[in-house]
Amino acid sequence: MIVAMPYRCDGCGAAKREANHWWLVSLCQRSFLGGRFLCLPWDDDEAALPDKFHLCGLACLHKMLDEWSARVKKEIDEAKVQQTPHD
């Protein structure tokens, strides 16, 4: 017997059901600030990969994107301060 992996939303903790409209997110770190925010529609094979966040819908997806954007903006602002010549 094959037991399906019980996915839970990484945003709110909701359990995945068959009819949900779930999303996958991968945060890819690169040499530039912030990296990349990669959003994909649900795919069972992709969902099993360890680098994926599982999100139950647009509300949780938007919340994660907002948090990521704020973190990236902060990193960029801090980098600008470090590059500014000090008197």
C-alpha atoms as a PDB file:
ATOM      1  CA  MET A   1       0.000   0.000   0.000  1.00  0.00           C
ATOM      2  CA  ILE A   2       1.298   3.453  -0.938  1.00  0.00           C
ATOM      3  CA  VAL A   3       0.690   6.173   1.634  1.00  0.00           C
ATOM      4  CA  ALA A   4       0.376   9.685   0.187  1.00  0.00           C
ATOM      5  CA  MET A   5       2.573  12.317   1.788  1.00  0.00           C
ATOM      6  CA  PRO A   6       0.367  14.598   3.890  1.00  0.00           C
ATOM      7  CA  TYR A   7       1.322  18.102   2.778  1.00  0.00           C
ATOM      8  CA  ARG A   8       0.668  21.071   5.035  1.00  0.00           C
ATOM      9  CA  CYS A   9       0.753  24.704   4.050  1.00  0.00           C
ATOM     10  CA  ASP A  10       4.019  26.348   5.076  1.00  0.00           C
ATOM     11  CA  GLY A  11       2.072  29.578   5.524  1.00  0.00           C
ATOM     12  CA  CYS A  12      -0.943  28.678   7.663  1.00  0.00           C
ATOM     13  CA  GLY A  13      -0.641  24.944   8.376  1.00  0.00           C
ATOM     14  CA  ALA A  14      -3.760  23.868   6.436  1.00  0.00           C
ATOM     15  CA  ALA A  15      -3.781  20.253   5.228  1.00  0.00           C
ATOM     16  CA  LYS A  16      -3.708  19.640   1.472  1.00  0.00           C
ATOM     17  CA  ARG A  17      -6.809  18.145  -0.078  1.00  0.00           C
ATOM     18  CA  GLU A  18      -7.422  17.035  -3.647  1.00  0.00           C
ATOM     19  CA  ALA A  19      -9.513  20.077  -4.668  1.00  0.00           C
ATOM     20  CA  ASN A  20      -7.213  22.779  -3.249  1.00  0.00           C
ATOM     21  CA  HIS A  21      -5.439  25.216  -5.567  1.00  0.00           C
ATOM     22  CA  TRP A  22      -1.978  24.972  -4.094  1.00  0.00           C
ATOM     23  CA  TRP A  23       1.287  26.623  -5.110  1.00  0.00           C
ATOM     24  CA  LEU A  24       4.946  25.741  -4.742  1.00  0.00           C
ATOM     25  CA  VAL A  25       7.690  28.251  -4.015  1.00  0.00           C
ATOM     26  CA  SER A  26      11.419  27.857  -4.226  1.00  0.00           C
ATOM     27  CA  LEU A  27      13.756  30.522  -2.865  1.00  0.00           C
ATOM     28  CA  CYS A  28      16.933  30.374  -4.920  1.00  0.00           C
ATOM     29  CA  GLN A  29      19.969  32.115  -3.471  1.00  0.00           C
ATOM     30  CA  ARG A  30      22.291  33.671  -6.023  1.00  0.00           C
ATOM     31  CA  SER A  31      25.331  35.888  -5.897  1.00  0.00           C
ATOM     32  CA  PHE A  32      23.135  38.988  -6.167  1.00  0.00           C
ATOM     33  CA  LEU A  33      21.039  40.300  -3.287  1.00  0.00           C
ATOM     34  CA  GLY A  34      17.817  38.494  -2.524  1.00  0.00           C
ATOM     35  CA  GLY A  35      18.183  35.660  -4.967  1.00  0.00           C
ATOM     36  CA  ARG A  36      15.017  34.589  -6.769  1.00  0.00           C
ATOM     37  CA  PHE A  37      11.451  33.874  -5.700  1.00  0.00           C
ATOM     38  CA  LEU A  38      10.210  31.096  -7.969  1.00  0.00           C
ATOM     39  CA  CYS A  39       6.475  30.375  -7.891  1.00  0.00           C
ATOM     40  CA  LEU A  40       5.019  27.276  -9.563  1.00  0.00           C
ATOM     41  CA  PRO A  41       1.544  25.774  -9.800  1.00  0.00           C
ATOM     42  CA  TRP A  42       1.206  22.540  -7.805  1.00  0.00           C
ATOM     43  CA  ASP A  43       3.039  19.537  -9.206  1.00  0.00           C
ATOM     44  CA  ASP A  44       3.304  16.296  -7.188  1.00  0.00           C
ATOM     45  CA  ASP A  45       6.862  15.569  -8.349  1.00  0.00           C
ATOM     46  CA  GLU A  46       8.089  19.103  -7.611  1.00  0.00           C
ATOM     47  CA  ALA A  47       6.286  19.121  -4.242  1.00  0.00           C
ATOM     48  CA  ALA A  48       8.368  16.172  -3.063  1.00  0.00           C
ATOM     49  CA  LEU A  49      11.639  18.081  -3.526  1.00  0.00           C
ATOM     50  CA  PRO A  50      13.182  19.337  -0.269  1.00  0.00           C
ATOM     51  CA  ASP A  51      13.678  22.938  -1.433  1.00  0.00           C
ATOM     52  CA  LYS A  52       9.980  23.635  -2.032  1.00  0.00           C
ATOM     53  CA  PHE A  53       7.552  25.546   0.157  1.00  0.00           C
ATOM     54  CA  HIS A  54       3.930  24.355  -0.055  1.00  0.00           C
ATOM     55  CA  LEU A  55       1.301  27.096  -0.020  1.00  0.00           C
ATOM     56  CA  CYS A  56      -2.455  26.502   0.107  1.00  0.00           C
ATOM     57  CA  GLY A  57      -3.601  29.442  -1.968  1.00  0.00           C
ATOM     58  CA  LEU A  58      -3.067  32.993  -3.084  1.00  0.00           C
ATOM     59  CA  ALA A  59      -3.351  34.504   0.396  1.00  0.00           C
ATOM     60  CA  CYS A  60      -0.432  32.444   1.738  1.00  0.00           C
ATOM     61  CA  LEU A  61       1.504  32.925  -1.510  1.00  0.00           C
ATOM     62  CA  HIS A  62       1.073  36.708  -1.319  1.00  0.00           C
ATOM     63  CA  LYS A  63       2.078  36.745   2.345  1.00  0.00           C
ATOM     64  CA  MET A  64       5.281  34.814   1.591  1.00  0.00           C
ATOM     65  CA  LEU A  65       6.079  37.091  -1.357  1.00  0.00           C
ATOM     66  CA  ASP A  66       5.493  40.189   0.801  1.00  0.00           C
ATOM     67  CA  GLU A  67       7.818  38.865   3.523  1.00  0.00           C
ATOM     68  CA  TRP A  68      10.476  37.903   0.983  1.00  0.00           C
ATOM     69  CA  SER A  69      10.228  41.318  -0.752  1.00  0.00           C
ATOM     70  CA  ALA A  70      10.632  43.144   2.554  1.00  0.00           C
ATOM     71  CA  ARG A  71      13.712  41.065   3.396  1.00  0.00           C
ATOM     72  CA  VAL A  72      15.255  41.718  -0.034  1.00  0.00           C
ATOM     73  CA  LYS A  73      14.554  45.465   0.226  1.00  0.00           C
ATOM     74  CA  LYS A  74      16.206  45.528   3.644  1.00  0.00           C
ATOM     75  CA  GLU A  75      19.267  43.690   2.270  1.00  0.00           C
ATOM     76  CA  ILE A  76      19.519  46.144  -0.642  1.00  0.00           C
ATOM     77  CA  ASP A  77      19.144  49.163   1.661  1.00  0.00           C
ATOM     78  CA  GLU A  78      21.839  47.797   3.994  1.00  0.00           C
ATOM     79  CA  ALA A  79      24.175  47.163   1.047  1.00  0.00           C
ATOM     80  CA  LYS A  80      23.677  50.759  -0.142  1.00  0.00           C
ATOM     81  CA  VAL A  81      24.553  52.071   3.328  1.00  0.00           C
ATOM     82  CA  GLN A  82      27.740  49.986   3.355  1.00  0.00           C
ATOM     83  CA  GLN A  83      28.725  51.356  -0.080  1.00  0.00           C
ATOM     84  CA  THR A  84      28.091  54.990   0.860  1.00  0.00           C
ATOM     85  CA  PRO A  85      31.346  56.821   1.625  1.00  0.00           C
ATOM     86  CA  HIS A  86      31.490  57.938   5.240  1.00  0.00           C
ATOM     87  CA  ASP A  87      32.842  61.374   6.114  1.00  0.00           C
END
